[in-house]
């Protein structure tokens, strides 16, 4: 274990958390009106209707897969009868499909943003940097998925990355576990930390205020008003061409 390992896997994660939490609080306090995706559907909707669902549903599955892979120990999945081979097969299939959908959807959204003038002019420099890092994170994630499907102790992230990730929550980072992981997992982890550090300063911040309650709110019932005032009269046709008019 070198000094670089200590800085990357023992110090940098907590720096990232400080930037993420502090930046989010700062953004909410001083930029509430900017806490938005800056919707651009008015300028172009055809590509948006294709790219946005692909990206959002894909990234949702990716996030769920990361939560399961990083937080649930290997012993737990083995206890319910899921073999190591079966786990990697489902991770490869589901993770691969979700990663490709996310990448394709993001590619469509980036193409739309670059080729639609008003949409591109509304894109900040931070968002442009965010797109680069996000694409890099997805590509690196797909690479690690392919490597994990190939097997081998070096590419089994549940023996290296997962223990390190869980150890961060108890403030005792397992640096050695992360240090012995493959280069691909290290690159993916570093890109992921960079993405979370950028998160509060880009349009991604809107994910922290997703309208989850909207899915569970009761229906709005519309009723006609009874006993109200009569409808207002409109314009009436005036016959100005008859004999009485000429008199």
Protein backbone atom coordinates (compact mmCIF):
# COMPACT_ATOMS: atom_id res chain seq x y z
CA UNK A 1 0.00 0.00 0.00
CA UNK A 2 1.54 3.26 -1.18
CA UNK A 3 0.93 6.89 -0.27
CA UNK A 4 -0.93 7.30 -3.57
CA UNK A 5 -3.31 4.50 -2.58
CA UNK A 6 -3.97 6.22 0.73
CA UNK A 7 -4.74 9.52 -1.00
CA UNK A 8 -6.94 7.98 -3.71
CA UNK A 9 -8.90 5.43 -1.68
CA UNK A 10 -8.62 6.78 1.86
CA UNK A 11 -8.82 10.57 1.49
CA UNK A 12 -10.33 11.41 -1.90
CA UNK A 13 -13.72 9.72 -1.27
CA UNK A 14 -14.34 11.92 1.77
CA UNK A 15 -13.23 15.02 -0.14
CA UNK A 16 -15.77 14.10 -2.80
CA UNK A 17 -18.52 13.75 -0.17
CA UNK A 18 -17.69 17.18 1.28
CA UNK A 19 -17.85 18.78 -2.18
CA UNK A 20 -21.09 16.95 -3.01
CA UNK A 21 -22.89 17.86 0.22
CA UNK A 22 -21.41 21.36 0.54
CA UNK A 23 -21.99 22.16 -3.12
CA UNK A 24 -25.59 20.98 -2.95
CA UNK A 25 -26.30 23.13 0.12
CA UNK A 26 -24.64 26.12 -1.54
CA UNK A 27 -26.59 25.61 -4.76
CA UNK A 28 -29.89 25.34 -2.92
CA UNK A 29 -29.17 28.42 -0.81
CA UNK A 30 -27.86 30.76 -3.48
CA UNK A 31 -29.20 29.40 -6.79
CA UNK A 32 -32.74 28.16 -6.19
CA UNK A 33 -33.95 29.55 -9.50
CA UNK A 34 -31.18 27.64 -11.27
CA UNK A 35 -32.15 24.36 -9.59
CA UNK A 36 -33.75 23.01 -12.75
CA UNK A 37 -33.06 21.01 -15.88
CA UNK A 38 -33.84 24.14 -17.93
CA UNK A 39 -36.40 22.28 -20.01
CA UNK A 40 -35.92 22.65 -23.75
CA UNK A 41 -38.87 20.61 -25.03
CA UNK A 42 -40.28 23.76 -26.59
CA UNK A 43 -37.40 23.90 -29.10
CA UNK A 44 -37.26 20.21 -30.06
CA UNK A 45 -39.35 17.27 -28.89
CA UNK A 46 -38.90 14.39 -31.37
CA UNK A 47 -35.39 13.36 -30.28
CA UNK A 48 -36.21 14.20 -26.67
CA UNK A 49 -39.08 11.69 -26.65
CA UNK A 50 -36.66 8.96 -27.74
CA UNK A 51 -33.48 9.82 -25.86
CA UNK A 52 -34.89 10.87 -22.50
CA UNK A 53 -36.77 7.62 -21.66
CA UNK A 54 -33.82 5.51 -22.85
CA UNK A 55 -31.41 7.44 -20.66
CA UNK A 56 -33.55 7.72 -17.54
CA UNK A 57 -34.79 4.14 -17.44
CA UNK A 58 -31.32 2.87 -18.28
CA UNK A 59 -29.61 4.93 -15.60
CA UNK A 60 -32.24 3.82 -13.05
CA UNK A 61 -31.36 0.16 -13.64
CA UNK A 62 -27.65 1.02 -13.53
CA UNK A 63 -28.05 2.73 -10.15
CA UNK A 64 -30.02 -0.22 -8.75
CA UNK A 65 -27.34 -2.58 -10.00
CA UNK A 66 -24.60 -0.55 -8.32
CA UNK A 67 -26.52 -0.48 -5.03
CA UNK A 68 -26.96 -4.27 -5.08
CA UNK A 69 -23.39 -4.97 -6.15
CA UNK A 70 -21.70 -2.59 -3.73
CA UNK A 71 -23.87 -2.80 -0.62
CA UNK A 72 -24.99 -6.43 -0.54
CA UNK A 73 -22.15 -8.79 0.53
CA UNK A 74 -21.37 -11.86 -1.53
CA UNK A 75 -22.22 -14.11 1.44
CA UNK A 76 -25.81 -12.83 1.41
CA UNK A 77 -26.45 -13.73 -2.22
CA UNK A 78 -24.82 -17.12 -1.68
CA UNK A 79 -27.08 -17.72 1.32
CA UNK A 80 -30.22 -17.37 -0.83
CA UNK A 81 -28.86 -19.86 -3.36
CA UNK A 82 -27.51 -17.49 -6.02
CA UNK A 83 -24.23 -18.92 -7.28
CA UNK A 84 -21.29 -16.74 -8.22
CA UNK A 85 -21.65 -17.71 -11.88
CA UNK A 86 -25.38 -16.96 -11.83
CA UNK A 87 -24.75 -13.57 -10.23
CA UNK A 88 -22.21 -12.56 -12.88
CA UNK A 89 -24.48 -13.78 -15.71
CA UNK A 90 -27.43 -11.68 -14.56
CA UNK A 91 -25.13 -8.73 -13.86
CA UNK A 92 -23.70 -9.03 -17.36
CA UNK A 93 -27.09 -9.31 -19.07
CA UNK A 94 -29.01 -6.68 -17.11
CA UNK A 95 -26.02 -4.39 -16.65
CA UNK A 96 -25.06 -4.63 -20.29
CA UNK A 97 -28.56 -3.87 -21.55
CA UNK A 98 -29.02 -0.99 -19.09
CA UNK A 99 -25.58 0.43 -19.87
CA UNK A 100 -26.16 0.34 -23.63
CA UNK A 101 -29.61 1.94 -23.27
CA UNK A 102 -28.11 4.67 -21.07
CA UNK A 103 -25.27 5.32 -23.49
CA UNK A 104 -27.53 5.39 -26.57
CA UNK A 105 -30.06 7.64 -24.85
CA UNK A 106 -27.33 10.00 -23.68
CA UNK A 107 -25.84 10.04 -27.18
CA UNK A 108 -29.21 11.08 -28.63
CA UNK A 109 -29.60 13.81 -26.01
CA UNK A 110 -26.10 15.15 -26.63
CA UNK A 111 -26.66 15.13 -30.41
CA UNK A 112 -29.93 16.97 -29.92
CA UNK A 113 -28.31 19.52 -27.63
CA UNK A 114 -25.44 20.12 -30.06
CA UNK A 115 -27.54 20.43 -33.22
CA UNK A 116 -30.46 22.47 -31.84
CA UNK A 117 -29.30 26.07 -31.64
CA UNK A 118 -31.37 27.41 -28.71
CA UNK A 119 -30.74 24.23 -26.70
CA UNK A 120 -26.99 24.41 -27.25
CA UNK A 121 -26.85 28.09 -26.30
CA UNK A 122 -28.63 27.27 -23.02
CA UNK A 123 -25.96 24.68 -22.09
CA UNK A 124 -23.50 25.91 -19.48
CA UNK A 125 -19.79 25.08 -19.42
CA UNK A 126 -20.29 22.95 -16.33
CA UNK A 127 -22.94 20.91 -18.14
CA UNK A 128 -20.65 20.39 -21.12
CA UNK A 129 -17.96 19.06 -18.80
CA UNK A 130 -20.56 16.93 -17.03
CA UNK A 131 -21.56 15.26 -20.30
CA UNK A 132 -17.94 14.32 -21.00
CA UNK A 133 -17.47 12.82 -17.54
CA UNK A 134 -20.85 11.06 -17.66
CA UNK A 135 -20.06 9.42 -21.00
CA UNK A 136 -16.66 8.35 -19.66
CA UNK A 137 -18.31 6.85 -16.56
CA UNK A 138 -20.80 4.84 -18.63
CA UNK A 139 -18.13 3.56 -21.02
CA UNK A 140 -15.87 2.60 -18.11
CA UNK A 141 -18.80 0.88 -16.42
CA UNK A 142 -19.58 -1.17 -19.53
CA UNK A 143 -15.92 -2.14 -19.73
CA UNK A 144 -15.89 -3.38 -16.15
CA UNK A 145 -19.12 -5.30 -16.81
CA UNK A 146 -17.49 -7.13 -19.71
CA UNK A 147 -14.39 -7.85 -17.64
CA UNK A 148 -16.47 -9.12 -14.74
CA UNK A 149 -18.35 -11.50 -17.05
CA UNK A 150 -15.03 -12.97 -18.12
CA UNK A 151 -14.36 -14.09 -14.54
CA UNK A 152 -11.09 -14.09 -12.68
CA UNK A 153 -10.32 -12.93 -9.16
CA UNK A 154 -8.86 -9.65 -10.38
CA UNK A 155 -12.15 -8.65 -12.01
CA UNK A 156 -14.47 -9.74 -9.18
CA UNK A 157 -15.41 -6.36 -7.73
CA UNK A 158 -17.30 -7.96 -4.85
CA UNK A 159 -13.96 -9.10 -3.42
CA UNK A 160 -12.26 -5.71 -3.76
CA UNK A 161 -14.39 -2.66 -4.61
CA UNK A 162 -17.46 -3.65 -2.57
CA UNK A 163 -15.62 -4.20 0.76
CA UNK A 164 -13.79 -0.89 0.25
CA UNK A 165 -17.04 0.94 -0.51
CA UNK A 166 -18.82 -0.42 2.56
CA UNK A 167 -15.83 0.37 4.78
CA UNK A 168 -16.14 4.07 3.91
CA UNK A 169 -19.41 4.31 5.85
CA UNK A 170 -17.76 3.25 9.10
CA UNK A 171 -14.84 5.66 8.54
CA UNK A 172 -12.35 2.80 8.27
CA UNK A 173 -11.52 2.64 4.55
CA UNK A 174 -10.24 -0.76 3.44
CA UNK A 175 -7.54 0.71 1.22
CA UNK A 176 -5.82 -2.61 0.57
CA UNK A 177 -8.95 -4.15 -0.96
CA UNK A 178 -9.28 -1.30 -3.44
CA UNK A 179 -5.55 -1.22 -4.13
CA UNK A 180 -5.57 -4.84 -5.35
CA UNK A 181 -8.51 -4.34 -7.73
CA UNK A 182 -7.96 -4.11 -11.47
CA UNK A 183 -7.02 -0.91 -13.28
CA UNK A 184 -10.41 -0.80 -15.01
CA UNK A 185 -12.26 -0.72 -11.67
CA UNK A 186 -9.93 1.97 -10.35
CA UNK A 187 -10.50 4.17 -13.40
CA UNK A 188 -14.26 3.65 -13.19
CA UNK A 189 -14.25 4.55 -9.50
CA UNK A 190 -12.20 7.72 -10.03
CA UNK A 191 -14.46 8.86 -12.86
CA UNK A 192 -17.49 8.17 -10.67
CA UNK A 193 -16.08 10.31 -7.86
CA UNK A 194 -15.37 13.11 -10.34
CA UNK A 195 -18.98 12.92 -11.56
CA UNK A 196 -20.38 13.20 -8.02
CA UNK A 197 -18.07 16.13 -7.29
CA UNK A 198 -19.46 17.92 -10.36
CA UNK A 199 -23.05 16.95 -9.59
CA UNK A 200 -24.17 19.99 -7.53
CA UNK A 201 -22.89 22.45 -10.13
CA UNK A 202 -24.71 20.99 -13.15
CA UNK A 203 -28.24 20.19 -14.28
CA UNK A 204 -27.91 16.78 -12.57
CA UNK A 205 -28.77 18.48 -9.28
CA UNK A 206 -32.46 18.24 -10.19
CA UNK A 207 -32.32 14.52 -9.35
CA UNK A 208 -32.23 15.44 -5.64
CA UNK A 209 -35.69 17.00 -5.94
CA UNK A 210 -37.37 14.49 -8.21
CA UNK A 211 -41.16 14.75 -7.72
CA UNK A 212 -41.54 11.28 -6.19
CA UNK A 213 -44.69 12.36 -4.34
CA UNK A 214 -46.33 13.09 -7.69
CA UNK A 215 -46.57 9.33 -8.30
CA UNK A 216 -48.60 8.77 -5.14
CA UNK A 217 -50.76 11.88 -4.92
CA UNK A 218 -54.55 11.43 -5.24
CA UNK A 219 -56.31 12.21 -8.48
CA UNK A 220 -57.52 15.75 -9.03
CA UNK A 221 -61.28 15.75 -9.55
CA UNK A 222 -62.75 18.47 -11.74
CA UNK A 223 -66.43 19.37 -11.24
CA UNK A 224 -68.63 21.84 -13.03
CA UNK A 225 -69.76 24.81 -10.99
CA UNK A 226 -73.50 24.72 -10.26
CA UNK A 227 -75.52 27.78 -9.43
CA UNK A 228 -72.94 30.15 -10.79
CA UNK A 229 -73.47 33.22 -12.88
CA UNK A 230 -74.81 32.69 -16.42
CA UNK A 231 -72.33 32.57 -19.26
CA UNK A 232 -71.32 35.87 -20.74
CA UNK A 233 -72.95 36.83 -24.03
CA UNK A 234 -70.78 36.94 -27.07
CA UNK A 235 -70.97 39.10 -30.18
CA UNK A 236 -74.33 39.02 -31.95
CA UNK A 237 -74.72 39.26 -35.69
CA UNK A 238 -75.96 42.65 -36.82
CA UNK A 239 -77.77 42.91 -40.13
CA UNK A 240 -76.63 46.23 -41.58
CA UNK A 241 -77.77 45.60 -45.10
CA UNK A 242 -81.59 45.53 -44.67
CA UNK A 243 -84.09 48.24 -45.60
CA UNK A 244 -84.35 49.49 -42.03
CA UNK A 245 -80.65 50.12 -41.93
CA UNK A 246 -80.79 52.21 -45.08
CA UNK A 247 -83.48 54.41 -43.59
